[in-house]
PDB file of N, CA and C in Angstrom:
ATOM      1  N   MET A   1       1.404  24.559  -4.183  1.00  0.00           N
ATOM      2  CA  MET A   1       1.206  25.611  -5.740  1.00  0.00           C
ATOM      3  C   MET A   1       1.838  24.775  -6.309  1.00  0.00           C
ATOM      4  N   HIS A   2       2.320  24.083  -7.376  1.00  0.00           N
ATOM      5  CA  HIS A   2       2.759  23.975  -8.421  1.00  0.00           C
ATOM      6  C   HIS A   2       1.729  22.524  -8.573  1.00  0.00           C
ATOM      7  N   PHE A   3       1.396  21.676  -7.537  1.00  0.00           N
ATOM      8  CA  PHE A   3       1.387  20.664  -8.144  1.00  0.00           C
ATOM      9  C   PHE A   3      -0.325  20.804  -8.188  1.00  0.00           C
ATOM     10  N   LYS A   4      -1.000  22.185  -7.177  1.00  0.00           N
ATOM     11  CA  LYS A   4      -2.607  22.539  -7.578  1.00  0.00           C
ATOM     12  C   LYS A   4      -2.565  22.746  -8.934  1.00  0.00           C
ATOM     13  N   LEU A   5      -1.409  23.865  -9.301  1.00  0.00           N
ATOM     14  CA  LEU A   5      -1.504  23.736 -10.906  1.00  0.00           C
ATOM     15  C   LEU A   5      -1.516  22.881 -12.104  1.00  0.00           C
ATOM     16  N   ILE A   6      -0.628  21.754 -11.584  1.00  0.00           N
ATOM     17  CA  ILE A   6      -0.633  20.867 -13.101  1.00  0.00           C
ATOM     18  C   ILE A   6      -1.776  19.373 -12.288  1.00  0.00           C
ATOM     19  N   ARG A   7      -2.449  19.832 -10.862  1.00  0.00           N
ATOM     20  CA  ARG A   7      -3.351  18.778 -10.734  1.00  0.00           C
ATOM     21  C   ARG A   7      -4.563  18.305 -11.875  1.00  0.00           C
ATOM     22  N   PRO A   8      -5.150  19.645 -12.290  1.00  0.00           N
ATOM     23  CA  PRO A   8      -6.135  18.592 -13.293  1.00  0.00           C
ATOM     24  C   PRO A   8      -5.499  18.574 -14.819  1.00  0.00           C
ATOM     25  N   CYS A   9      -4.199  17.694 -14.824  1.00  0.00           N
ATOM     26  CA  CYS A   9      -3.509  17.405 -16.339  1.00  0.00           C
ATOM     27  C   CYS A   9      -3.440  16.450 -15.994  1.00  0.00           C
ATOM     28  N   ILE A  10      -3.000  15.494 -14.245  1.00  0.00           N
ATOM     29  CA  ILE A  10      -2.470  14.200 -14.548  1.00  0.00           C
ATOM     30  C   ILE A  10      -3.610  13.091 -14.392  1.00  0.00           C
ATOM     31  N   ASN A  11      -4.878  13.215 -14.860  1.00  0.00           N
ATOM     32  CA  ASN A  11      -5.787  12.329 -15.528  1.00  0.00           C
ATOM     33  C   ASN A  11      -5.678  11.435 -14.129  1.00  0.00           C
ATOM     34  N   SER A  12      -6.095  12.101 -12.982  1.00  0.00           N
ATOM     35  CA  SER A  12      -5.693  11.180 -11.589  1.00  0.00           C
ATOM     36  C   SER A  12      -7.188  11.091 -10.905  1.00  0.00           C
ATOM     37  N   ASN A  13      -7.997  10.088  -9.672  1.00  0.00           N
ATOM     38  CA  ASN A  13      -8.982  10.205  -9.195  1.00  0.00           C
ATOM     39  C   ASN A  13      -9.232   9.893  -7.920  1.00  0.00           C
ATOM     40  N   PRO A  14      -9.087  11.186  -7.491  1.00  0.00           N
ATOM     41  CA  PRO A  14      -9.921  11.169  -5.971  1.00  0.00           C
ATOM     42  C   PRO A  14     -10.401  10.477  -5.885  1.00  0.00           C
ATOM     43  N   THR A  15     -10.058   9.422  -3.898  1.00  0.00           N
ATOM     44  CA  THR A  15     -10.781   8.660  -3.485  1.00  0.00           C
ATOM     45  C   THR A  15     -10.691   9.360  -2.016  1.00  0.00           C
ATOM     46  N   GLY A  16     -11.919   9.819  -1.826  1.00  0.00           N
ATOM     47  CA  GLY A  16     -12.517  10.637   0.106  1.00  0.00           C
ATOM     48  C   GLY A  16     -12.089  11.300   0.472  1.00  0.00           C
ATOM     49  N   TYR A  17     -11.219  12.308  -1.155  1.00  0.00           N
ATOM     50  CA  TYR A  17     -11.148  13.822  -0.882  1.00  0.00           C
ATOM     51  C   TYR A  17     -11.591  14.350  -2.121  1.00  0.00           C
ATOM     52  N   PRO A  18     -11.651  15.630  -2.091  1.00  0.00           N
ATOM     53  CA  PRO A  18     -11.978  16.075  -3.522  1.00  0.00           C
ATOM     54  C   PRO A  18     -11.099  16.537  -4.272  1.00  0.00           C
ATOM     55  N   TYR A  19      -9.986  16.384  -3.877  1.00  0.00           N
ATOM     56  CA  TYR A  19      -9.217  16.479  -5.433  1.00  0.00           C
ATOM     57  C   TYR A  19      -8.051  15.208  -4.647  1.00  0.00           C
ATOM     58  N   VAL A  20      -6.737  15.141  -5.690  1.00  0.00           N
ATOM     59  CA  VAL A  20      -5.660  14.615  -5.453  1.00  0.00           C
ATOM     60  C   VAL A  20      -4.645  15.299  -5.074  1.00  0.00           C
ATOM     61  N   ARG A  21      -4.344  14.868  -3.797  1.00  0.00           N
ATOM     62  CA  ARG A  21      -2.898  15.610  -2.856  1.00  0.00           C
ATOM     63  C   ARG A  21      -1.769  14.558  -3.118  1.00  0.00           C
ATOM     64  N   LEU A  22      -0.629  15.161  -2.908  1.00  0.00           N
ATOM     65  CA  LEU A  22       1.117  14.193  -3.258  1.00  0.00           C
ATOM     66  C   LEU A  22       1.163  13.195  -2.601  1.00  0.00           C
ATOM     67  N   TYR A  23       0.541  13.448  -0.987  1.00  0.00           N
ATOM     68  CA  TYR A  23       0.709  12.184  -0.232  1.00  0.00           C
ATOM     69  C   TYR A  23      -0.364  11.175  -0.750  1.00  0.00           C
ATOM     70  N   ASP A  24      -0.953  11.222  -1.899  1.00  0.00           N
ATOM     71  CA  ASP A  24      -1.427  10.270  -2.274  1.00  0.00           C
ATOM     72  C   ASP A  24      -0.773   8.792  -3.175  1.00  0.00           C
ATOM     73  N   PHE A  25       0.245   9.815  -3.719  1.00  0.00           N
ATOM     74  CA  PHE A  25       0.948   9.444  -4.760  1.00  0.00           C
ATOM     75  C   PHE A  25       2.193   8.370  -3.781  1.00  0.00           C
ATOM     76  N   ARG A  26       2.248   8.782  -3.022  1.00  0.00           N
ATOM     77  CA  ARG A  26       3.308   8.251  -1.544  1.00  0.00           C
ATOM     78  C   ARG A  26       2.608   6.937  -0.997  1.00  0.00           C
ATOM     79  N   HIS A  27       1.183   6.984  -0.794  1.00  0.00           N
ATOM     80  CA  HIS A  27       0.197   6.657   0.002  1.00  0.00           C
ATOM     81  C   HIS A  27       0.566   4.774  -1.317  1.00  0.00           C
ATOM     82  N   THR A  28      -0.662   5.874  -2.658  1.00  0.00           N
ATOM     83  CA  THR A  28      -0.329   4.324  -4.065  1.00  0.00           C
ATOM     84  C   THR A  28       1.053   3.837  -3.803  1.00  0.00           C
ATOM     85  N   PHE A  29       2.433   4.293  -3.910  1.00  0.00           N
ATOM     86  CA  PHE A  29       3.350   3.757  -4.010  1.00  0.00           C
ATOM     87  C   PHE A  29       3.639   2.707  -2.873  1.00  0.00           C
ATOM     88  N   ALA A  30       3.436   2.939  -1.549  1.00  0.00           N
ATOM     89  CA  ALA A  30       4.254   2.147  -0.538  1.00  0.00           C
ATOM     90  C   ALA A  30       3.259   1.024  -0.850  1.00  0.00           C
ATOM     91  N   CYS A  31       1.607   1.291  -1.630  1.00  0.00           N
ATOM     92  CA  CYS A  31       0.636   0.015  -1.337  1.00  0.00           C
ATOM     93  C   CYS A  31       1.082  -1.074  -2.771  1.00  0.00           C
ATOM     94  N   ASN A  32       1.437  -0.331  -3.521  1.00  0.00           N
ATOM     95  CA  ASN A  32       1.830  -0.851  -4.388  1.00  0.00           C
ATOM     96  C   ASN A  32       2.884  -2.074  -4.397  1.00  0.00           C
ATOM     97  N   THR A  33       4.020  -1.266  -4.559  1.00  0.00           N
ATOM     98  CA  THR A  33       4.911  -2.185  -3.464  1.00  0.00           C
ATOM     99  C   THR A  33       4.758  -3.308  -2.795  1.00  0.00           C
ATOM    100  N   ILE A  34       4.212  -3.058  -1.596  1.00  0.00           N
ATOM    101  CA  ILE A  34       3.674  -4.134  -1.289  1.00  0.00           C
ATOM    102  C   ILE A  34       2.791  -5.108  -1.774  1.00  0.00           C
ATOM    103  N   LEU A  35       1.931  -4.476  -2.130  1.00  0.00           N
ATOM    104  CA  LEU A  35       1.609  -5.328  -2.804  1.00  0.00           C
ATOM    105  C   LEU A  35       2.186  -6.580  -4.335  1.00  0.00           C
ATOM    106  N   ARG A  36       2.979  -6.107  -4.940  1.00  0.00           N
ATOM    107  CA  ARG A  36       3.513  -6.772  -6.123  1.00  0.00           C
ATOM    108  C   ARG A  36       4.591  -7.328  -5.271  1.00  0.00           C
ATOM    109  N   TRP A  37       5.361  -6.798  -3.961  1.00  0.00           N
ATOM    110  CA  TRP A  37       6.239  -8.287  -3.397  1.00  0.00           C
ATOM    111  C   TRP A  37       5.623  -9.340  -3.106  1.00  0.00           C
ATOM    112  N   ASN A  38       4.587  -9.191  -1.923  1.00  0.00           N
ATOM    113  CA  ASN A  38       3.860 -10.213  -2.131  1.00  0.00           C
ATOM    114  C   ASN A  38       2.940 -11.299  -3.292  1.00  0.00           C
ATOM    115  N   GLU A  39       2.658 -10.358  -4.523  1.00  0.00           N
ATOM    116  CA  GLU A  39       2.323 -11.316  -5.240  1.00  0.00           C
ATOM    117  C   GLU A  39       3.638 -12.065  -6.302  1.00  0.00           C
ATOM    118  N   GLN A  40       4.738 -11.601  -6.021  1.00  0.00           N
ATOM    119  CA  GLN A  40       5.907 -12.390  -6.596  1.00  0.00           C
ATOM    120  C   GLN A  40       6.645 -13.122  -5.088  1.00  0.00           C
ATOM    121  N   GLY A  41       5.209 -13.553  -3.994  1.00  0.00           N
ATOM    122  CA  GLY A  41       5.769 -14.401  -3.003  1.00  0.00           C
ATOM    123  C   GLY A  41       7.174 -13.500  -2.588  1.00  0.00           C
ATOM    124  N   GLU A  42       7.645 -12.542  -2.639  1.00  0.00           N
ATOM    125  CA  GLU A  42       8.516 -11.955  -1.583  1.00  0.00           C
ATOM    126  C   GLU A  42       7.699 -12.467   0.596  1.00  0.00           C
ATOM    127  N   ASP A  43       8.856 -11.935   1.476  1.00  0.00           N
ATOM    128  CA  ASP A  43       8.225 -12.028   2.064  1.00  0.00           C
ATOM    129  C   ASP A  43       7.804 -10.615   3.010  1.00  0.00           C
ATOM    130  N   VAL A  44       6.598  -9.983   2.951  1.00  0.00           N
ATOM    131  CA  VAL A  44       6.714  -8.773   2.929  1.00  0.00           C
ATOM    132  C   VAL A  44       7.107  -8.031   4.527  1.00  0.00           C
ATOM    133  N   ASN A  45       7.111  -8.453   5.233  1.00  0.00           N
ATOM    134  CA  ASN A  45       7.671  -8.197   6.946  1.00  0.00           C
ATOM    135  C   ASN A  45       9.144  -8.284   6.931  1.00  0.00           C
ATOM    136  N   GLU A  46       9.624  -9.268   6.021  1.00  0.00           N
ATOM    137  CA  GLU A  46      11.542  -9.242   6.250  1.00  0.00           C
ATOM    138  C   GLU A  46      11.861  -7.881   4.845  1.00  0.00           C
ATOM    139  N   LYS A  47      11.116  -7.593   4.284  1.00  0.00           N
ATOM    140  CA  LYS A  47      11.604  -6.311   2.964  1.00  0.00           C
ATOM    141  C   LYS A  47      10.727  -4.781   3.685  1.00  0.00           C
ATOM    142  N   LEU A  48      10.618  -5.473   4.768  1.00  0.00           N
ATOM    143  CA  LEU A  48       9.318  -3.467   4.819  1.00  0.00           C
ATOM    144  C   LEU A  48      10.544  -2.338   5.363  1.00  0.00           C
ATOM    145  N   TYR A  49      11.848  -3.195   5.667  1.00  0.00           N
ATOM    146  CA  TYR A  49      12.667  -2.158   5.898  1.00  0.00           C
ATOM    147  C   TYR A  49      12.884  -1.252   4.481  1.00  0.00           C
ATOM    148  N   VAL A  50      13.283  -2.480   3.640  1.00  0.00           N
ATOM    149  CA  VAL A  50      13.408  -1.369   2.383  1.00  0.00           C
ATOM    150  C   VAL A  50      12.473  -0.011   2.450  1.00  0.00           C
ATOM    151  N   LEU A  51      11.074  -0.711   2.227  1.00  0.00           N
ATOM    152  CA  LEU A  51      10.918   0.130   1.843  1.00  0.00           C
ATOM    153  C   LEU A  51      10.180   1.583   3.245  1.00  0.00           C
ATOM    154  N   SER A  52      10.301   1.367   4.225  1.00  0.00           N
ATOM    155  CA  SER A  52      10.339   2.237   5.336  1.00  0.00           C
ATOM    156  C   SER A  52      11.846   3.358   5.052  1.00  0.00           C
ATOM    157  N   THR A  53      12.591   2.325   4.542  1.00  0.00           N
ATOM    158  CA  THR A  53      13.961   3.656   4.629  1.00  0.00           C
ATOM    159  C   THR A  53      13.578   4.751   3.648  1.00  0.00           C
ATOM    160  N   TYR A  54      12.745   3.565   2.418  1.00  0.00           N
ATOM    161  CA  TYR A  54      12.939   4.950   1.132  1.00  0.00           C
ATOM    162  C   TYR A  54      11.737   6.014   1.799  1.00  0.00           C
ATOM    163  N   LEU A  55      10.685   5.370   2.132  1.00  0.00           N
ATOM    164  CA  LEU A  55       9.631   6.302   2.774  1.00  0.00           C
ATOM    165  C   LEU A  55      10.053   7.557   3.826  1.00  0.00           C
ATOM    166  N   GLY A  56      11.752   7.543   3.874  1.00  0.00           N
ATOM    167  CA  GLY A  56      12.289   8.250   5.303  1.00  0.00           C
ATOM    168  C   GLY A  56      11.960   7.856   6.237  1.00  0.00           C
ATOM    169  N   HIS A  57      10.692   7.055   7.015  1.00  0.00           N
ATOM    170  CA  HIS A  57      10.955   6.572   8.052  1.00  0.00           C
ATOM    171  C   HIS A  57      11.636   5.877   9.115  1.00  0.00           C
ATOM    172  N   VAL A  58      11.534   6.134  10.666  1.00  0.00           N
ATOM    173  CA  VAL A  58      12.792   6.617  11.375  1.00  0.00           C
ATOM    174  C   VAL A  58      12.417   4.619  11.244  1.00  0.00           C
ATOM    175  N   LYS A  59      11.501   4.383  12.261  1.00  0.00           N
ATOM    176  CA  LYS A  59      11.251   2.748  12.292  1.00  0.00           C
ATOM    177  C   LYS A  59      10.479   2.170  11.370  1.00  0.00           C
ATOM    178  N   PRO A  60      10.435   1.068  10.901  1.00  0.00           N
ATOM    179  CA  PRO A  60       9.398   0.237   9.859  1.00  0.00           C
ATOM    180  C   PRO A  60       7.988   0.208  10.683  1.00  0.00           C
ATOM    181  N   ALA A  61       8.001   0.242  12.023  1.00  0.00           N
ATOM    182  CA  ALA A  61       6.880   0.688  12.393  1.00  0.00           C
ATOM    183  C   ALA A  61       5.497   1.584  12.224  1.00  0.00           C
ATOM    184  N   ASP A  62       6.353   2.859  11.568  1.00  0.00           N
ATOM    185  CA  ASP A  62       5.643   3.552  10.411  1.00  0.00           C
ATOM    186  C   ASP A  62       5.076   3.159   9.306  1.00  0.00           C
ATOM    187  N   THR A  63       5.727   1.926   8.820  1.00  0.00           N
ATOM    188  CA  THR A  63       5.499   1.669   7.879  1.00  0.00           C
ATOM    189  C   THR A  63       4.327   0.747   7.829  1.00  0.00           C
ATOM    190  N   PHE A  64       4.441   0.002   8.594  1.00  0.00           N
ATOM    191  CA  PHE A  64       3.667  -1.580   8.603  1.00  0.00           C
ATOM    192  C   PHE A  64       1.913  -1.054   8.365  1.00  0.00           C
ATOM    193  N   TRP A  65       1.698   0.224   9.052  1.00  0.00           N
ATOM    194  CA  TRP A  65       0.314  -0.023   8.774  1.00  0.00           C
ATOM    195  C   TRP A  65      -0.153   0.276   7.077  1.00  0.00           C
ATOM    196  N   TYR A  66       0.890   0.154   6.328  1.00  0.00           N
ATOM    197  CA  TYR A  66       0.698  -0.194   5.497  1.00  0.00           C
ATOM    198  C   TYR A  66       0.027  -1.167   5.058  1.00  0.00           C
ATOM    199  N   LEU A  67       0.536  -2.253   5.402  1.00  0.00           N
ATOM    200  CA  LEU A  67      -0.285  -3.399   5.300  1.00  0.00           C
ATOM    201  C   LEU A  67      -2.225  -4.295   5.332  1.00  0.00           C
ATOM    202  N   SER A  68      -2.031  -3.116   5.821  1.00  0.00           N
ATOM    203  CA  SER A  68      -3.575  -3.064   5.658  1.00  0.00           C
ATOM    204  C   SER A  68      -4.504  -1.811   5.223  1.00  0.00           C
ATOM    205  N   ALA A  69      -3.729  -1.309   4.626  1.00  0.00           N
ATOM    206  CA  ALA A  69      -4.463  -0.007   4.011  1.00  0.00           C
ATOM    207  C   ALA A  69      -5.774   0.180   2.553  1.00  0.00           C
ATOM    208  N   THR A  70      -5.139  -1.060   2.153  1.00  0.00           N
ATOM    209  CA  THR A  70      -6.197  -1.011   0.595  1.00  0.00           C
ATOM    210  C   THR A  70      -7.103  -2.184   0.811  1.00  0.00           C
ATOM    211  N   PRO A  71      -8.437  -1.940  -0.374  1.00  0.00           N
ATOM    212  CA  PRO A  71      -8.861  -3.624  -0.071  1.00  0.00           C
ATOM    213  C   PRO A  71      -8.276  -5.055  -0.573  1.00  0.00           C
ATOM    214  N   GLU A  72      -7.747  -4.259  -1.714  1.00  0.00           N
ATOM    215  CA  GLU A  72      -6.738  -5.196  -2.399  1.00  0.00           C
ATOM    216  C   GLU A  72      -5.718  -5.534  -1.413  1.00  0.00           C
ATOM    217  N   LEU A  73      -4.510  -5.030  -0.978  1.00  0.00           N
ATOM    218  CA  LEU A  73      -3.899  -5.447   0.139  1.00  0.00           C
ATOM    219  C   LEU A  73      -4.554  -6.025   1.038  1.00  0.00           C
ATOM    220  N   LEU A  74      -5.497  -6.560   1.383  1.00  0.00           N
ATOM    221  CA  LEU A  74      -6.266  -6.932   2.733  1.00  0.00           C
ATOM    222  C   LEU A  74      -6.861  -8.012   2.490  1.00  0.00           C
ATOM    223  N   LYS A  75      -7.155  -8.124   1.101  1.00  0.00           N
ATOM    224  CA  LYS A  75      -7.915  -9.583   0.703  1.00  0.00           C
ATOM    225  C   LYS A  75      -6.610 -10.507  -0.077  1.00  0.00           C
ATOM    226  N   ALA A  76      -5.633  -9.605  -0.199  1.00  0.00           N
ATOM    227  CA  ALA A  76      -4.469 -10.875  -0.294  1.00  0.00           C
ATOM    228  C   ALA A  76      -3.256 -10.733   0.715  1.00  0.00           C
ATOM    229  N   LEU A  77      -3.531 -10.027   1.339  1.00  0.00           N
ATOM    230  CA  LEU A  77      -2.810 -10.506   3.034  1.00  0.00           C
ATOM    231  C   LEU A  77      -3.535 -11.606   3.832  1.00  0.00           C
ATOM    232  N   CYS A  78      -5.014 -11.550   3.877  1.00  0.00           N
ATOM    233  CA  CYS A  78      -5.978 -12.041   4.333  1.00  0.00           C
ATOM    234  C   CYS A  78      -5.744 -13.634   3.643  1.00  0.00           C
ATOM    235  N   SER A  79      -5.747 -13.826   2.293  1.00  0.00           N
ATOM    236  CA  SER A  79      -5.512 -15.219   1.592  1.00  0.00           C
ATOM    237  C   SER A  79      -3.939 -16.048   2.104  1.00  0.00           C
ATOM    238  N   LYS A  80      -3.205 -15.150   2.144  1.00  0.00           N
ATOM    239  CA  LYS A  80      -1.762 -15.101   2.143  1.00  0.00           C
ATOM    240  C   LYS A  80      -2.118 -16.586   3.898  1.00  0.00           C
ATOM    241  N   TYR A  81      -2.975 -15.262   4.832  1.00  0.00           N
ATOM    242  CA  TYR A  81      -2.805 -16.442   6.566  1.00  0.00           C
ATOM    243  C   TYR A  81      -4.332 -17.384   6.598  1.00  0.00           C
ATOM    244  N   GLU A  82      -4.571 -17.732   4.984  1.00  0.00           N
ATOM    245  CA  GLU A  82      -5.486 -18.458   5.289  1.00  0.00           C
ATOM    246  C   GLU A  82      -5.308 -19.356   4.933  1.00  0.00           C
ATOM    247  N   GLU A  83      -3.625 -19.269   3.543  1.00  0.00           N
ATOM    248  CA  GLU A  83      -3.235 -20.878   3.002  1.00  0.00           C
ATOM    249  C   GLU A  83      -2.423 -21.238   4.303  1.00  0.00           C
ATOM    250  N   GLN A  84      -1.585 -20.584   5.046  1.00  0.00           N
ATOM    251  CA  GLN A  84      -1.215 -20.676   6.152  1.00  0.00           C
ATOM    252  C   GLN A  84      -2.381 -21.614   7.270  1.00  0.00           C
ATOM    253  N   PHE A  85      -2.932 -20.773   7.805  1.00  0.00           N
ATOM    254  CA  PHE A  85      -3.642 -21.309   8.832  1.00  0.00           C
ATOM    255  C   PHE A  85      -5.250 -21.968   8.869  1.00  0.00           C
ATOM    256  N   GLY A  86      -5.088 -21.678   7.156  1.00  0.00           N
ATOM    257  CA  GLY A  86      -6.375 -22.747   6.948  1.00  0.00           C
ATOM    258  C   GLY A  86      -7.814 -21.589   6.721  1.00  0.00           C
ATOM    259  N   GLY A  87      -9.013 -21.450   6.635  1.00  0.00           N
ATOM    260  CA  GLY A  87     -10.130 -21.161   6.280  1.00  0.00           C
ATOM    261  C   GLY A  87     -10.147 -20.909   4.426  1.00  0.00           C
ATOM    262  N   ASN A  88     -11.693 -19.869   4.503  1.00  0.00           N
ATOM    263  CA  ASN A  88     -12.023 -19.745   2.951  1.00  0.00           C
ATOM    264  C   ASN A  88     -11.881 -18.521   2.880  1.00  0.00           C
ATOM    265  N   ASP A  89     -11.317 -18.085   1.560  1.00  0.00           N
ATOM    266  CA  ASP A  89     -11.093 -16.788   1.436  1.00  0.00           C
ATOM    267  C   ASP A  89     -12.821 -15.613   1.367  1.00  0.00           C
ATOM    268  N   ASP A  90     -13.330 -16.775   0.802  1.00  0.00           N
ATOM    269  CA  ASP A  90     -15.193 -16.248   0.920  1.00  0.00           C
ATOM    270  C   ASP A  90     -15.807 -16.188   2.133  1.00  0.00           C
ATOM    271  N   GLU A  91     -14.866 -16.781   2.912  1.00  0.00           N
ATOM    272  CA  GLU A  91     -15.655 -16.063   4.277  1.00  0.00           C
ATOM    273  C   GLU A  91     -15.284 -14.616   4.395  1.00  0.00           C
ATOM    274  N   ILE A  92     -14.531 -13.560   3.928  1.00  0.00           N
ATOM    275  CA  ILE A  92     -14.221 -12.307   4.109  1.00  0.00           C
ATOM    276  C   ILE A  92     -15.526 -11.785   3.649  1.00  0.00           C
TER     277      ILE A  92
END
């Protein structure tokens, strides 16, 4: 109820839905955290349990889907794969 009242004041842009939902902030936080870890050279798989715990997931597998949830994450992780196993980012 309260979020519905402040929604027009937060200047956010919905994607895929007619309005921004609280869940969208949670999703954005998780994806940005993974992207930041990747950019800092952190082992995302190793640190996923930290994010999983913070989000209140019982097991990291419930958080794992965030690894391919956005185009930015998918591109970053594909690039990391290509570095390790070969290939070309332009093929994506």
